[in-house]
Protein backbone atom coordinates (compact mmCIF):
# COMPACT_ATOMS: atom_id res chain seq x y z
CA MET A 1 0.00 0.00 0.00
CA ALA A 2 1.23 3.51 -0.79
CA GLU A 3 2.32 5.48 2.26
CA LYS A 4 2.91 9.15 3.03
CA ASP A 5 6.48 8.68 4.24
CA GLY A 6 9.40 6.65 2.95
CA ASN A 7 8.94 7.24 -0.77
CA LYS A 8 11.78 8.28 -3.02
CA THR A 9 11.46 11.63 -4.80
CA ALA A 10 10.35 11.15 -8.39
CA LYS A 11 12.91 12.43 -10.87
CA ASP A 12 12.91 10.37 -14.08
CA TYR A 13 10.23 12.03 -16.20
CA GLY A 14 11.61 10.93 -19.57
CA ILE A 15 11.81 14.52 -20.80
CA GLY A 16 12.38 14.50 -24.56
CA ILE A 17 11.23 10.91 -25.02
CA PRO A 18 8.04 10.89 -27.13
CA SER A 19 4.98 9.04 -25.91
CA PRO A 20 4.09 5.79 -27.68
CA LYS A 21 2.25 6.43 -30.93
CA GLN A 22 -1.53 6.66 -30.59
CA THR A 23 -4.26 6.23 -33.18
CA PHE A 24 -6.29 9.07 -31.62
CA HIS A 25 -5.01 12.64 -31.45
CA VAL A 26 -5.82 13.32 -27.77
CA LYS A 27 -3.27 12.16 -25.20
CA GLY A 28 -4.22 9.03 -23.30
CA MET A 29 -7.62 8.68 -24.96
CA ASP A 30 -7.05 5.78 -27.36
CA ASN A 31 -9.27 3.45 -25.33
CA VAL A 32 -12.33 5.60 -24.62
CA ASP A 33 -15.67 5.19 -26.37
CA TRP A 34 -16.70 6.70 -29.72
CA GLY A 35 -18.97 9.36 -28.21
CA MET A 36 -16.29 10.56 -25.83
CA LYS A 37 -13.77 10.71 -28.66
CA ASN A 38 -16.24 12.74 -30.70
CA ARG A 39 -16.62 15.25 -27.86
CA LEU A 40 -12.85 15.39 -27.30
CA SER A 41 -12.40 16.09 -31.02
CA ARG A 42 -14.65 19.14 -30.65
CA ILE A 43 -12.40 20.35 -27.84
CA PHE A 44 -8.97 19.46 -29.27
CA HIS A 45 -8.51 20.24 -32.96
CA PRO A 46 -7.68 17.02 -34.84
CA LYS A 47 -4.95 18.73 -36.87
CA SER A 48 -3.00 20.51 -34.11
CA GLY A 49 -4.15 18.40 -31.18
CA HIS A 50 -4.55 21.64 -29.23
CA THR A 51 -7.36 23.84 -27.97
CA VAL A 52 -8.15 27.47 -27.24
CA MET A 53 -10.72 27.67 -24.47
CA LEU A 54 -12.34 30.94 -23.48
CA ALA A 55 -13.08 30.97 -19.75
CA PHE A 56 -15.86 33.30 -18.65
CA ASP A 57 -17.27 31.38 -15.70
CA HIS A 58 -15.82 33.83 -13.15
CA GLY A 59 -19.24 35.09 -12.14
CA TYR A 60 -20.10 31.88 -10.29
CA ILE A 61 -17.89 33.00 -7.40
CA MET A 62 -16.97 36.61 -8.26
CA GLY A 63 -20.21 38.08 -9.56
CA SER A 64 -19.79 40.82 -12.16
CA THR A 65 -16.12 40.81 -13.21
CA ALA A 66 -14.16 43.55 -14.96
CA GLY A 67 -14.43 42.85 -18.67
CA LEU A 68 -17.47 40.59 -18.26
CA GLU A 69 -20.06 43.15 -17.21
CA ARG A 70 -22.09 42.47 -20.36
CA LEU A 71 -21.67 38.89 -21.54
CA ASP A 72 -23.94 39.51 -24.51
CA LEU A 73 -21.60 42.23 -25.78
CA VAL A 74 -18.18 40.90 -24.77
CA ILE A 75 -18.28 37.23 -25.78
CA PRO A 76 -19.77 37.16 -29.32
CA PRO A 77 -16.83 38.98 -31.04
CA LEU A 78 -14.42 36.42 -29.54
CA VAL A 79 -16.34 33.28 -30.49
CA PRO A 80 -15.01 32.89 -34.08
CA TYR A 81 -11.45 32.52 -32.79
CA ILE A 82 -11.90 30.01 -29.98
CA ASP A 83 -12.63 26.29 -29.83
CA VAL A 84 -14.41 25.98 -26.49
CA LEU A 85 -16.72 28.14 -24.39
CA MET A 86 -16.06 27.51 -20.67
CA ALA A 87 -19.04 28.89 -18.81
CA THR A 88 -21.90 28.27 -16.42
CA ARG A 89 -25.23 27.01 -17.65
CA GLY A 90 -26.89 30.26 -16.57
CA ALA A 91 -24.55 32.43 -18.63
CA LEU A 92 -24.86 30.19 -21.67
CA ARG A 93 -28.63 29.99 -21.63
CA ALA A 94 -29.12 33.70 -20.95
CA ALA A 95 -26.46 35.35 -23.09
CA ILE A 96 -24.84 33.01 -25.64
CA SER A 97 -26.51 31.88 -28.85
CA PRO A 98 -26.55 28.11 -29.40
CA SER A 99 -26.08 28.78 -33.11
CA TYR A 100 -22.37 29.46 -32.51
CA ASN A 101 -21.95 25.66 -32.41
CA LYS A 102 -18.80 25.70 -30.28
CA ALA A 103 -17.73 23.03 -27.84
CA VAL A 104 -18.85 23.72 -24.27
CA ALA A 105 -16.83 23.12 -21.10
CA LEU A 106 -19.73 23.37 -18.67
CA ARG A 107 -18.95 24.57 -15.15
CA CYS A 108 -20.61 21.88 -13.04
CA SER A 109 -19.31 22.66 -9.55
CA ALA A 110 -20.73 25.41 -7.37
CA GLY A 111 -19.59 26.84 -4.06
CA SER A 112 -18.79 29.78 -1.86
CA SER A 113 -18.31 33.33 -3.09
CA VAL A 114 -15.21 35.49 -2.79
CA LEU A 115 -16.74 36.87 0.42
CA LYS A 116 -15.58 33.70 2.19
CA ASP A 117 -11.99 33.17 3.31
CA ASP A 118 -12.24 29.41 2.68
CA MET A 119 -13.73 28.77 -0.74
CA SER A 120 -12.79 25.09 -0.90
CA THR A 121 -16.20 23.64 -0.05
CA GLU A 122 -18.15 23.08 -3.25
CA VAL A 123 -20.97 20.84 -4.41
CA ILE A 124 -22.00 19.37 -7.74
CA GLY A 125 -24.11 22.19 -9.12
CA VAL A 126 -25.22 20.61 -12.42
CA ASN A 127 -26.45 17.04 -12.78
CA ILE A 128 -25.68 14.82 -15.73
CA GLU A 129 -29.14 15.24 -17.25
CA ASP A 130 -28.76 19.00 -17.52
CA ALA A 131 -25.22 18.62 -18.88
CA ILE A 132 -26.70 16.43 -21.62
CA ARG A 133 -29.44 19.00 -22.27
CA MET A 134 -26.71 21.66 -22.58
CA ASN A 135 -24.86 19.41 -25.06
CA ALA A 136 -21.73 19.73 -22.92
CA SER A 137 -18.50 18.58 -24.53
CA CYS A 138 -17.00 18.24 -21.06
CA MET A 139 -17.96 18.93 -17.45
CA ALA A 140 -15.65 21.09 -15.33
CA ILE A 141 -15.23 20.33 -11.63
CA GLN A 142 -13.04 22.38 -9.29
CA THR A 143 -10.78 20.49 -6.88
CA PHE A 144 -8.90 21.75 -3.85
CA ILE A 145 -5.98 19.42 -3.22
CA GLY A 146 -4.35 20.19 0.13
CA SER A 147 -7.19 22.35 1.43
CA ASN A 148 -9.93 21.80 3.99
CA GLY A 149 -12.30 20.89 1.17
CA GLU A 150 -9.98 18.37 -0.49
CA CYS A 151 -12.03 15.22 0.15
CA SER A 152 -15.40 16.75 -0.69
CA SER A 153 -14.04 18.21 -3.94
CA ILE A 154 -12.59 14.82 -4.89
CA HIS A 155 -15.99 13.31 -4.17
CA ASN A 156 -17.57 15.83 -6.54
CA LEU A 157 -14.98 14.96 -9.19
CA VAL A 158 -15.29 11.18 -9.07
CA ARG A 159 -19.11 11.30 -9.04
CA THR A 160 -19.01 13.50 -12.13
CA ILE A 161 -16.46 11.24 -13.83
CA ASP A 162 -18.69 8.21 -13.19
CA ALA A 163 -21.76 10.02 -14.55
CA GLY A 164 -19.82 11.27 -17.57
CA ASN A 165 -18.46 7.83 -18.35
CA ARG A 166 -22.00 6.46 -18.48
CA TYR A 167 -22.91 8.90 -21.25
CA GLY A 168 -19.58 9.50 -23.01
CA ILE A 169 -18.96 13.01 -21.63
CA PRO A 170 -15.40 13.85 -20.52
CA THR A 171 -14.67 15.48 -17.18
CA LEU A 172 -12.31 18.45 -16.88
CA GLY A 173 -10.62 18.41 -13.48
CA VAL A 174 -9.65 21.93 -12.42
CA VAL A 175 -6.73 22.40 -10.02
CA ALA A 176 -7.64 25.30 -7.74
CA VAL A 177 -4.94 27.11 -5.80
CA GLY A 178 -6.02 28.72 -2.53
CA LYS A 179 -4.19 30.91 -0.07
CA GLU A 180 -2.69 27.94 1.77
CA MET A 181 -1.37 26.20 -1.38
CA ALA A 182 1.93 27.23 -2.97
CA ARG A 183 2.11 27.36 -6.76
CA THR A 184 5.12 25.07 -6.92
CA THR A 185 6.17 22.39 -9.37
CA LYS A 186 5.88 19.83 -6.57
CA TYR A 187 2.28 20.82 -5.84
CA PHE A 188 1.17 20.76 -9.48
CA LEU A 189 2.90 17.42 -10.04
CA LEU A 190 0.86 16.02 -7.17
CA ALA A 191 -2.50 17.59 -7.97
CA THR A 192 -2.56 16.98 -11.73
CA ARG A 193 -1.50 13.35 -11.40
CA MET A 194 -4.11 12.73 -8.70
CA LEU A 195 -6.92 14.08 -10.87
CA ALA A 196 -5.79 12.00 -13.85
CA GLU A 197 -5.61 8.87 -11.69
CA PHE A 198 -9.16 9.51 -10.48
CA GLY A 199 -10.21 9.34 -14.13
CA ALA A 200 -10.50 12.95 -15.29
CA GLN A 201 -9.98 13.03 -19.06
CA ILE A 202 -8.64 16.63 -19.12
CA ILE A 203 -6.78 18.63 -16.47
CA LYS A 204 -6.71 22.40 -16.10
CA THR A 205 -3.86 23.82 -14.04
CA TYR A 206 -1.46 26.75 -13.81
CA TYR A 207 1.83 27.14 -15.61
CA CYS A 208 4.87 26.81 -13.34
CA ASP A 209 8.62 26.28 -13.33
CA GLU A 210 9.71 22.94 -14.81
CA PHE A 211 6.28 22.62 -16.39
CA GLU A 212 7.55 19.94 -18.74
CA LYS A 213 7.73 17.61 -15.72
CA VAL A 214 4.07 18.26 -14.92
CA THR A 215 2.90 17.45 -18.46
CA ALA A 216 5.21 14.43 -18.74
CA ALA A 217 3.91 12.93 -15.50
CA CYS A 218 0.24 13.49 -16.39
CA PRO A 219 -1.15 10.76 -18.69
CA VAL A 220 -4.00 12.94 -20.01
CA PRO A 221 -4.00 16.37 -21.69
CA ILE A 222 -3.31 19.48 -19.64
CA VAL A 223 -4.60 22.93 -20.50
CA ILE A 224 -3.22 25.93 -18.66
CA ALA A 225 -5.26 28.53 -16.84
CA GLY A 226 -4.51 32.10 -17.82
CA GLY A 227 -4.80 33.34 -14.25
CA LYS A 228 -4.68 37.00 -13.33
CA LYS A 229 -4.21 39.65 -16.03
CA LEU A 230 -0.66 39.95 -17.38
CA PRO A 231 0.78 42.37 -19.93
CA GLU A 232 -0.17 41.05 -23.35
CA ALA A 233 3.42 40.14 -24.32
CA ASP A 234 3.89 38.20 -21.08
CA ALA A 235 0.61 36.31 -21.49
CA LEU A 236 1.58 35.29 -25.01
CA LYS A 237 5.00 34.14 -23.83
CA MET A 238 3.38 32.05 -21.09
CA ALA A 239 1.05 30.43 -23.63
CA TYR A 240 3.96 29.68 -25.97
CA ASN A 241 6.14 28.21 -23.22
CA ALA A 242 3.30 26.03 -21.98
CA ILE A 243 2.63 24.58 -25.44
CA GLN A 244 6.33 24.00 -26.02
CA GLU A 245 6.54 22.19 -22.69
CA GLY A 246 3.70 19.80 -23.38
CA ALA A 247 0.41 21.59 -22.70
CA SER A 248 -2.44 20.66 -25.01
CA GLY A 249 -3.98 24.11 -24.93
CA VAL A 250 -4.90 27.18 -22.95
CA ASP A 251 -8.05 28.13 -21.07
CA MET A 252 -7.75 31.90 -20.84
CA GLY A 253 -10.20 34.45 -19.53
CA ARG A 254 -8.90 37.69 -18.05
CA ASN A 255 -5.83 37.72 -20.29
CA ILE A 256 -8.21 37.87 -23.24
CA PHE A 257 -11.33 39.76 -22.22
CA GLN A 258 -9.37 42.29 -20.10
CA ALA A 259 -6.80 42.94 -22.85
CA GLU A 260 -6.72 46.38 -24.43
CA ASN A 261 -8.10 44.76 -27.58
CA SER A 262 -9.67 41.40 -26.78
CA THR A 263 -10.36 40.29 -30.35
CA ALA A 264 -6.76 41.00 -31.33
CA MET A 265 -5.51 39.13 -28.26
CA VAL A 266 -7.57 36.01 -28.84
CA GLN A 267 -6.27 35.81 -32.41
CA ALA A 268 -2.69 36.15 -31.19
CA VAL A 269 -3.24 33.36 -28.66
CA ARG A 270 -4.77 31.18 -31.37
CA ALA A 271 -1.73 31.76 -33.61
CA ILE A 272 0.51 30.33 -30.88
CA VAL A 273 -1.70 27.38 -29.94
CA HIS A 274 -2.71 26.18 -33.40
CA ASP A 275 -0.18 27.67 -35.81
CA GLY A 276 2.99 27.38 -33.72
CA GLU A 277 3.84 31.08 -33.89
CA THR A 278 6.50 32.46 -31.57
CA PRO A 279 5.43 34.90 -28.85
CA GLU A 280 7.25 37.71 -30.68
CA LYS A 281 5.35 37.11 -33.92
CA ALA A 282 2.10 36.67 -32.03
CA TYR A 283 2.66 39.99 -30.25
CA ASP A 284 3.36 41.65 -33.59
CA LEU A 285 0.08 40.19 -34.84
CA TYR A 286 -1.70 41.55 -31.78
CA ASN A 287 -0.35 45.06 -32.37
CA THR A 288 -1.19 44.92 -36.07
CA LEU A 289 -4.77 43.85 -35.41
CA LYS A 290 -5.10 46.39 -32.60
CA ALA A 291 -4.00 49.18 -34.95
CA GLU A 292 -6.77 48.18 -37.37
CA LYS A 293 -9.37 48.82 -34.69
């Protein structure tokens, strides 16, 4: 049985050694069912194997967020350049047209607001039937590894994974980082691997030092969270470094919708993720498109 103490520190991550060849373009998903593969193909582009997710689910804990005051005005201009809408069911039904026909990463956990010091206690806020009605391509569940709410968040995750597996809907396990959790390589190695071992088909986490170890040790695709707003050049560099170090995509929110020109920024991010552009060329593209405003 695995124990807390007495284990050697992991160090052989096989960096630079390619994974065994798969027949399917999404990491670790060769053996899942047809329906799940179909949904994963809506999330991860079959040609690049990558994804650009637009996260605008912030309101479920933060209320009205800078840049997202009017979802019906802010989101539609960005939709042509992204692959996945990550949002709550309320925002989608009220403000986003279903005719856009984009993949949906449906926020399915719900919990405390930013008014609480401890936000780690969440519940499953969307059942599988409503996820099916929303035509979700995946269901997103927040987890709080190392926090007071660790066990209950894992319970939410595994229940959602089981429900998703019954109907061929992937689960996106989200690694939350609270005040008591350091954003270290060691922490992200632990949290991402745990979520993958529980059965999550996609993991969302933060970029960190030695990120190539995190992606190498995780047997399913990782997408990075954009996190707090950065200068546009820095956000593009982070996206580029993450892709180069094994990420399968980005799930950005504030670094897109709070940019000086959000439509220019989302196109620059897409150029990195799908076209392999360098951050310098992507930033040039951003400035060119911004000047055309």
